[in-house]
PDB file of N, CA and C in Angstrom:
ATOM      1  N   MET A   1       7.320  10.023   1.923  1.00  0.00           N
ATOM      2  CA  MET A   1       6.659   9.317   2.987  1.00  0.00           C
ATOM      3  C   MET A   1       6.624   7.835   2.626  1.00  0.00           C
ATOM      4  N   LYS A   2       6.820   6.974   3.618  1.00  0.00           N
ATOM      5  CA  LYS A   2       6.725   5.536   3.399  1.00  0.00           C
ATOM      6  C   LYS A   2       5.425   5.020   4.021  1.00  0.00           C
ATOM      7  N   ILE A   3       4.712   4.212   3.240  1.00  0.00           N
ATOM      8  CA  ILE A   3       3.455   3.633   3.683  1.00  0.00           C
ATOM      9  C   ILE A   3       3.617   2.118   3.763  1.00  0.00           C
ATOM     10  N   PHE A   4       3.072   1.539   4.813  1.00  0.00           N
ATOM     11  CA  PHE A   4       3.055   0.099   5.024  1.00  0.00           C
ATOM     12  C   PHE A   4       1.657  -0.389   4.645  1.00  0.00           C
ATOM     13  N   VAL A   5       1.594  -1.376   3.749  1.00  0.00           N
ATOM     14  CA  VAL A   5       0.311  -1.919   3.293  1.00  0.00           C
ATOM     15  C   VAL A   5       0.343  -3.430   3.469  1.00  0.00           C
ATOM     16  N   THR A   6      -0.708  -3.975   4.043  1.00  0.00           N
ATOM     17  CA  THR A   6      -0.798  -5.418   4.224  1.00  0.00           C
ATOM     18  C   THR A   6      -2.243  -5.868   4.068  1.00  0.00           C
ATOM     19  N   ASN A   7      -2.431  -7.161   4.155  1.00  0.00           N
ATOM     20  CA  ASN A   7      -3.729  -7.808   4.040  1.00  0.00           C
ATOM     21  C   ASN A   7      -4.287  -7.705   2.623  1.00  0.00           C
ATOM     22  N   PHE A   8      -3.457  -8.097   1.653  1.00  0.00           N
ATOM     23  CA  PHE A   8      -3.888  -8.207   0.266  1.00  0.00           C
ATOM     24  C   PHE A   8      -3.500  -9.590  -0.237  1.00  0.00           C
ATOM     25  N   GLU A   9      -4.053  -9.986  -1.377  1.00  0.00           N
ATOM     26  CA  GLU A   9      -3.788 -11.308  -1.932  1.00  0.00           C
ATOM     27  C   GLU A   9      -2.296 -11.498  -2.216  1.00  0.00           C
ATOM     28  N   ASP A  10      -1.807 -12.701  -1.984  1.00  0.00           N
ATOM     29  CA  ASP A  10      -0.396 -13.002  -2.252  1.00  0.00           C
ATOM     30  C   ASP A  10      -0.036 -12.850  -3.723  1.00  0.00           C
ATOM     31  N   SER A  11      -1.014 -12.937  -4.600  1.00  0.00           N
ATOM     32  CA  SER A  11      -0.753 -12.817  -6.040  1.00  0.00           C
ATOM     33  C   SER A  11      -0.704 -11.360  -6.511  1.00  0.00           C
ATOM     34  N   THR A  12      -0.867 -10.409  -5.598  1.00  0.00           N
ATOM     35  CA  THR A  12      -0.841  -8.987  -5.952  1.00  0.00           C
ATOM     36  C   THR A  12       0.520  -8.606  -6.513  1.00  0.00           C
ATOM     37  N   THR A  13       0.514  -7.793  -7.555  1.00  0.00           N
ATOM     38  CA  THR A  13       1.756  -7.372  -8.208  1.00  0.00           C
ATOM     39  C   THR A  13       2.089  -5.914  -7.870  1.00  0.00           C
ATOM     40  N   VAL A  14       3.327  -5.546  -8.138  1.00  0.00           N
ATOM     41  CA  VAL A  14       3.750  -4.152  -7.977  1.00  0.00           C
ATOM     42  C   VAL A  14       2.899  -3.258  -8.872  1.00  0.00           C
ATOM     43  N   ALA A  15       2.621  -3.714 -10.087  1.00  0.00           N
ATOM     44  CA  ALA A  15       1.821  -2.924 -11.024  1.00  0.00           C
ATOM     45  C   ALA A  15       0.405  -2.680 -10.479  1.00  0.00           C
ATOM     46  N   ALA A  16      -0.197  -3.680  -9.860  1.00  0.00           N
ATOM     47  CA  ALA A  16      -1.543  -3.522  -9.294  1.00  0.00           C
ATOM     48  C   ALA A  16      -1.534  -2.505  -8.157  1.00  0.00           C
ATOM     49  N   LEU A  17      -0.518  -2.557  -7.305  1.00  0.00           N
ATOM     50  CA  LEU A  17      -0.414  -1.590  -6.209  1.00  0.00           C
ATOM     51  C   LEU A  17      -0.146  -0.189  -6.753  1.00  0.00           C
ATOM     52  N   ALA A  18       0.698  -0.076  -7.767  1.00  0.00           N
ATOM     53  CA  ALA A  18       0.976   1.229  -8.378  1.00  0.00           C
ATOM     54  C   ALA A  18      -0.314   1.828  -8.934  1.00  0.00           C
ATOM     55  N   PHE A  19      -1.134   1.009  -9.584  1.00  0.00           N
ATOM     56  CA  PHE A  19      -2.405   1.468 -10.127  1.00  0.00           C
ATOM     57  C   PHE A  19      -3.330   1.948  -9.007  1.00  0.00           C
ATOM     58  N   LEU A  20      -3.369   1.218  -7.905  1.00  0.00           N
ATOM     59  CA  LEU A  20      -4.213   1.581  -6.774  1.00  0.00           C
ATOM     60  C   LEU A  20      -3.797   2.920  -6.159  1.00  0.00           C
ATOM     61  N   PHE A  21      -2.497   3.167  -6.058  1.00  0.00           N
ATOM     62  CA  PHE A  21      -1.998   4.359  -5.361  1.00  0.00           C
ATOM     63  C   PHE A  21      -1.756   5.557  -6.271  1.00  0.00           C
ATOM     64  N   GLN A  22      -1.778   5.380  -7.588  1.00  0.00           N
ATOM     65  CA  GLN A  22      -1.414   6.461  -8.499  1.00  0.00           C
ATOM     66  C   GLN A  22      -2.317   7.687  -8.407  1.00  0.00           C
ATOM     67  N   ASP A  23      -3.567   7.509  -8.017  1.00  0.00           N
ATOM     68  CA  ASP A  23      -4.486   8.638  -7.918  1.00  0.00           C
ATOM     69  C   ASP A  23      -4.194   9.542  -6.724  1.00  0.00           C
ATOM     70  N   PHE A  24      -3.349   9.100  -5.820  1.00  0.00           N
ATOM     71  CA  PHE A  24      -3.077   9.870  -4.605  1.00  0.00           C
ATOM     72  C   PHE A  24      -1.817  10.723  -4.696  1.00  0.00           C
ATOM     73  N   GLY A  25      -0.949  10.441  -5.639  1.00  0.00           N
ATOM     74  CA  GLY A  25       0.271  11.219  -5.772  1.00  0.00           C
ATOM     75  C   GLY A  25       1.333  10.449  -6.513  1.00  0.00           C
ATOM     76  N   HIS A  26       2.501  11.044  -6.588  1.00  0.00           N
ATOM     77  CA  HIS A  26       3.621  10.429  -7.291  1.00  0.00           C
ATOM     78  C   HIS A  26       4.193   9.277  -6.457  1.00  0.00           C
ATOM     79  N   VAL A  27       4.079   8.068  -6.981  1.00  0.00           N
ATOM     80  CA  VAL A  27       4.621   6.891  -6.314  1.00  0.00           C
ATOM     81  C   VAL A  27       6.078   6.744  -6.752  1.00  0.00           C
ATOM     82  N   GLU A  28       6.996   6.859  -5.806  1.00  0.00           N
ATOM     83  CA  GLU A  28       8.420   6.800  -6.117  1.00  0.00           C
ATOM     84  C   GLU A  28       8.946   5.375  -6.159  1.00  0.00           C
ATOM     85  N   ALA A  29       8.435   4.512  -5.280  1.00  0.00           N
ATOM     86  CA  ALA A  29       8.924   3.129  -5.237  1.00  0.00           C
ATOM     87  C   ALA A  29       7.910   2.254  -4.517  1.00  0.00           C
ATOM     88  N   ILE A  30       7.878   0.991  -4.922  1.00  0.00           N
ATOM     89  CA  ILE A  30       7.054  -0.014  -4.266  1.00  0.00           C
ATOM     90  C   ILE A  30       7.905  -1.263  -4.097  1.00  0.00           C
ATOM     91  N   ARG A  31       7.952  -1.774  -2.885  1.00  0.00           N
ATOM     92  CA  ARG A  31       8.678  -3.017  -2.616  1.00  0.00           C
ATOM     93  C   ARG A  31       7.725  -4.011  -1.971  1.00  0.00           C
ATOM     94  N   LEU A  32       7.597  -5.173  -2.579  1.00  0.00           N
ATOM     95  CA  LEU A  32       6.798  -6.259  -2.006  1.00  0.00           C
ATOM     96  C   LEU A  32       7.714  -7.127  -1.165  1.00  0.00           C
ATOM     97  N   LYS A  33       7.263  -7.498   0.003  1.00  0.00           N
ATOM     98  CA  LYS A  33       8.048  -8.319   0.921  1.00  0.00           C
ATOM     99  C   LYS A  33       7.191  -9.463   1.437  1.00  0.00           C
ATOM    100  N   GLN A  34       7.837 -10.555   1.816  1.00  0.00           N
ATOM    101  CA  GLN A  34       7.140 -11.680   2.431  1.00  0.00           C
ATOM    102  C   GLN A  34       7.430 -11.666   3.918  1.00  0.00           C
ATOM    103  N   GLY A  35       6.397 -11.473   4.731  1.00  0.00           N
ATOM    104  CA  GLY A  35       6.540 -11.527   6.173  1.00  0.00           C
ATOM    105  C   GLY A  35       6.403 -12.955   6.660  1.00  0.00           C
ATOM    106  N   LYS A  36       6.331 -13.141   7.962  1.00  0.00           N
ATOM    107  CA  LYS A  36       6.191 -14.482   8.531  1.00  0.00           C
ATOM    108  C   LYS A  36       4.879 -15.137   8.124  1.00  0.00           C
ATOM    109  N   LYS A  37       3.806 -14.357   8.071  1.00  0.00           N
ATOM    110  CA  LYS A  37       2.490 -14.932   7.779  1.00  0.00           C
ATOM    111  C   LYS A  37       1.904 -14.471   6.455  1.00  0.00           C
ATOM    112  N   ARG A  38       2.281 -13.296   5.986  1.00  0.00           N
ATOM    113  CA  ARG A  38       1.659 -12.773   4.770  1.00  0.00           C
ATOM    114  C   ARG A  38       2.543 -11.738   4.092  1.00  0.00           C
ATOM    115  N   MET A  39       2.159 -11.424   2.857  1.00  0.00           N
ATOM    116  CA  MET A  39       2.870 -10.417   2.081  1.00  0.00           C
ATOM    117  C   MET A  39       2.559  -9.024   2.628  1.00  0.00           C
ATOM    118  N   TYR A  40       3.502  -8.113   2.414  1.00  0.00           N
ATOM    119  CA  TYR A  40       3.242  -6.710   2.699  1.00  0.00           C
ATOM    120  C   TYR A  40       4.003  -5.870   1.694  1.00  0.00           C
ATOM    121  N   ALA A  41       3.663  -4.604   1.620  1.00  0.00           N
ATOM    122  CA  ALA A  41       4.319  -3.703   0.683  1.00  0.00           C
ATOM    123  C   ALA A  41       4.763  -2.453   1.417  1.00  0.00           C
ATOM    124  N   LEU A  42       5.878  -1.910   0.966  1.00  0.00           N
ATOM    125  CA  LEU A  42       6.346  -0.600   1.407  1.00  0.00           C
ATOM    126  C   LEU A  42       6.274   0.304   0.187  1.00  0.00           C
ATOM    127  N   ILE A  43       5.534   1.383   0.315  1.00  0.00           N
ATOM    128  CA  ILE A  43       5.295   2.284  -0.805  1.00  0.00           C
ATOM    129  C   ILE A  43       5.820   3.660  -0.445  1.00  0.00           C
ATOM    130  N   GLU A  44       6.652   4.211  -1.316  1.00  0.00           N
ATOM    131  CA  GLU A  44       7.161   5.565  -1.118  1.00  0.00           C
ATOM    132  C   GLU A  44       6.357   6.502  -2.010  1.00  0.00           C
ATOM    133  N   ILE A  45       5.753   7.512  -1.390  1.00  0.00           N
ATOM    134  CA  ILE A  45       4.864   8.445  -2.078  1.00  0.00           C
ATOM    135  C   ILE A  45       5.010   9.809  -1.420  1.00  0.00           C
ATOM    136  N   ASP A  46       4.643  10.883  -2.140  1.00  0.00           N
ATOM    137  CA  ASP A  46       4.750  12.209  -1.534  1.00  0.00           C
ATOM    138  C   ASP A  46       3.843  12.289  -0.300  1.00  0.00           C
ATOM    139  N   VAL A  47       4.183  13.177   0.633  1.00  0.00           N
ATOM    140  CA  VAL A  47       3.516  13.244   1.937  1.00  0.00           C
ATOM    141  C   VAL A  47       2.017  13.497   1.802  1.00  0.00           C
ATOM    142  N   HIS A  48       1.639  14.490   1.024  1.00  0.00           N
ATOM    143  CA  HIS A  48       0.211  14.818   0.885  1.00  0.00           C
ATOM    144  C   HIS A  48      -0.557  13.623   0.328  1.00  0.00           C
ATOM    145  N   GLY A  49      -0.031  13.011  -0.716  1.00  0.00           N
ATOM    146  CA  GLY A  49      -0.679  11.850  -1.309  1.00  0.00           C
ATOM    147  C   GLY A  49      -0.708  10.668  -0.362  1.00  0.00           C
ATOM    148  N   GLY A  50       0.348  10.494   0.407  1.00  0.00           N
ATOM    149  CA  GLY A  50       0.414   9.399   1.360  1.00  0.00           C
ATOM    150  C   GLY A  50      -0.628   9.528   2.448  1.00  0.00           C
ATOM    151  N   GLU A  51      -0.777  10.729   2.968  1.00  0.00           N
ATOM    152  CA  GLU A  51      -1.777  10.955   4.012  1.00  0.00           C
ATOM    153  C   GLU A  51      -3.183  10.703   3.478  1.00  0.00           C
ATOM    154  N   GLN A  52      -3.443  11.150   2.253  1.00  0.00           N
ATOM    155  CA  GLN A  52      -4.755  10.937   1.643  1.00  0.00           C
ATOM    156  C   GLN A  52      -4.992   9.451   1.385  1.00  0.00           C
ATOM    157  N   ALA A  53      -3.975   8.752   0.904  1.00  0.00           N
ATOM    158  CA  ALA A  53      -4.101   7.314   0.641  1.00  0.00           C
ATOM    159  C   ALA A  53      -4.418   6.555   1.925  1.00  0.00           C
ATOM    160  N   ILE A  54      -3.764   6.911   3.017  1.00  0.00           N
ATOM    161  CA  ILE A  54      -4.026   6.247   4.299  1.00  0.00           C
ATOM    162  C   ILE A  54      -5.483   6.469   4.708  1.00  0.00           C
ATOM    163  N   ARG A  55      -5.945   7.711   4.614  1.00  0.00           N
ATOM    164  CA  ARG A  55      -7.334   8.019   5.001  1.00  0.00           C
ATOM    165  C   ARG A  55      -8.341   7.246   4.140  1.00  0.00           C
ATOM    166  N   GLU A  56      -8.089   7.161   2.846  1.00  0.00           N
ATOM    167  CA  GLU A  56      -9.080   6.588   1.936  1.00  0.00           C
ATOM    168  C   GLU A  56      -8.963   5.078   1.737  1.00  0.00           C
ATOM    169  N   LEU A  57      -7.781   4.510   1.931  1.00  0.00           N
ATOM    170  CA  LEU A  57      -7.602   3.094   1.633  1.00  0.00           C
ATOM    171  C   LEU A  57      -7.555   2.182   2.859  1.00  0.00           C
ATOM    172  N   ASP A  58      -7.233   2.727   4.022  1.00  0.00           N
ATOM    173  CA  ASP A  58      -7.167   1.873   5.209  1.00  0.00           C
ATOM    174  C   ASP A  58      -8.550   1.293   5.497  1.00  0.00           C
ATOM    175  N   ARG A  59      -8.607  -0.012   5.647  1.00  0.00           N
ATOM    176  CA  ARG A  59      -9.827  -0.779   5.938  1.00  0.00           C
ATOM    177  C   ARG A  59     -10.757  -0.899   4.724  1.00  0.00           C
ATOM    178  N   ARG A  60     -10.300  -0.446   3.550  1.00  0.00           N
ATOM    179  CA  ARG A  60     -11.110  -0.560   2.333  1.00  0.00           C
ATOM    180  C   ARG A  60     -10.981  -1.967   1.759  1.00  0.00           C
ATOM    181  N   GLU A  61     -12.078  -2.497   1.257  1.00  0.00           N
ATOM    182  CA  GLU A  61     -12.033  -3.813   0.637  1.00  0.00           C
ATOM    183  C   GLU A  61     -11.446  -3.688  -0.767  1.00  0.00           C
ATOM    184  N   TRP A  62     -10.515  -4.573  -1.072  1.00  0.00           N
ATOM    185  CA  TRP A  62      -9.836  -4.577  -2.374  1.00  0.00           C
ATOM    186  C   TRP A  62      -9.594  -6.026  -2.761  1.00  0.00           C
ATOM    187  N   HIS A  63     -10.196  -6.464  -3.832  1.00  0.00           N
ATOM    188  CA  HIS A  63     -10.085  -7.850  -4.319  1.00  0.00           C
ATOM    189  C   HIS A  63     -10.444  -8.862  -3.226  1.00  0.00           C
ATOM    190  N   GLY A  64     -11.493  -8.557  -2.482  1.00  0.00           N
ATOM    191  CA  GLY A  64     -11.982  -9.486  -1.470  1.00  0.00           C
ATOM    192  C   GLY A  64     -11.235  -9.466  -0.149  1.00  0.00           C
ATOM    193  N   MET A  65     -10.272  -8.584   0.006  1.00  0.00           N
ATOM    194  CA  MET A  65      -9.495  -8.477   1.252  1.00  0.00           C
ATOM    195  C   MET A  65      -9.666  -7.055   1.795  1.00  0.00           C
ATOM    196  N   ARG A  66      -9.596  -6.911   3.108  1.00  0.00           N
ATOM    197  CA  ARG A  66      -9.680  -5.584   3.723  1.00  0.00           C
ATOM    198  C   ARG A  66      -8.264  -5.084   3.988  1.00  0.00           C
ATOM    199  N   LEU A  67      -7.835  -4.089   3.191  1.00  0.00           N
ATOM    200  CA  LEU A  67      -6.483  -3.546   3.287  1.00  0.00           C
ATOM    201  C   LEU A  67      -6.203  -2.946   4.663  1.00  0.00           C
ATOM    202  N   GLU A  68      -4.948  -3.005   5.060  1.00  0.00           N
ATOM    203  CA  GLU A  68      -4.452  -2.261   6.207  1.00  0.00           C
ATOM    204  C   GLU A  68      -3.374  -1.341   5.669  1.00  0.00           C
ATOM    205  N   VAL A  69      -3.594  -0.025   5.797  1.00  0.00           N
ATOM    206  CA  VAL A  69      -2.707   0.982   5.222  1.00  0.00           C
ATOM    207  C   VAL A  69      -2.349   1.975   6.312  1.00  0.00           C
ATOM    208  N   MET A  70      -1.046   2.141   6.561  1.00  0.00           N
ATOM    209  CA  MET A  70      -0.607   3.053   7.617  1.00  0.00           C
ATOM    210  C   MET A  70       0.792   3.595   7.297  1.00  0.00           C
ATOM    211  N   GLU A  71       1.189   4.637   7.993  1.00  0.00           N
ATOM    212  CA  GLU A  71       2.536   5.149   7.804  1.00  0.00           C
ATOM    213  C   GLU A  71       3.531   4.121   8.331  1.00  0.00           C
ATOM    214  N   SER A  72       4.587   3.901   7.572  1.00  0.00           N
ATOM    215  CA  SER A  72       5.598   2.934   7.952  1.00  0.00           C
ATOM    216  C   SER A  72       6.449   3.468   9.095  1.00  0.00           C
ATOM    217  N   GLN A  73       6.808   2.600   9.993  1.00  0.00           N
ATOM    218  CA  GLN A  73       7.685   2.953  11.108  1.00  0.00           C
ATOM    219  C   GLN A  73       9.150   2.685  10.773  1.00  0.00           C
ATOM    220  N   TYR A  74       9.421   2.187   9.560  1.00  0.00           N
ATOM    221  CA  TYR A  74      10.790   1.824   9.152  1.00  0.00           C
ATOM    222  C   TYR A  74      11.393   2.883   8.284  1.00  0.00           C
TER     223      TYR A  74
END
C-alpha cells in the first residue's frame, strides 16, 4: 500500500518518517518529494499497517505540525 503524507517540517528526514511508521508494519520504501508549496512523502507499507497508520496518524500533531496522512492515489 502507498501512503501520502504531508504537512511536516521541511527538515524531516527519511529516518524520522521510518521511525514514526515502523510501529504500524513493515515499511518497504520512503520517498521524500518537494511539491509546489511543501514537502511530502510517499511511504510503501503493508496494507494492514497502512490502514492503521492512516487511522492513527492523520491529523495528529508531530513536531508542531498537524500531519495529513492518506492512501496515495498514485
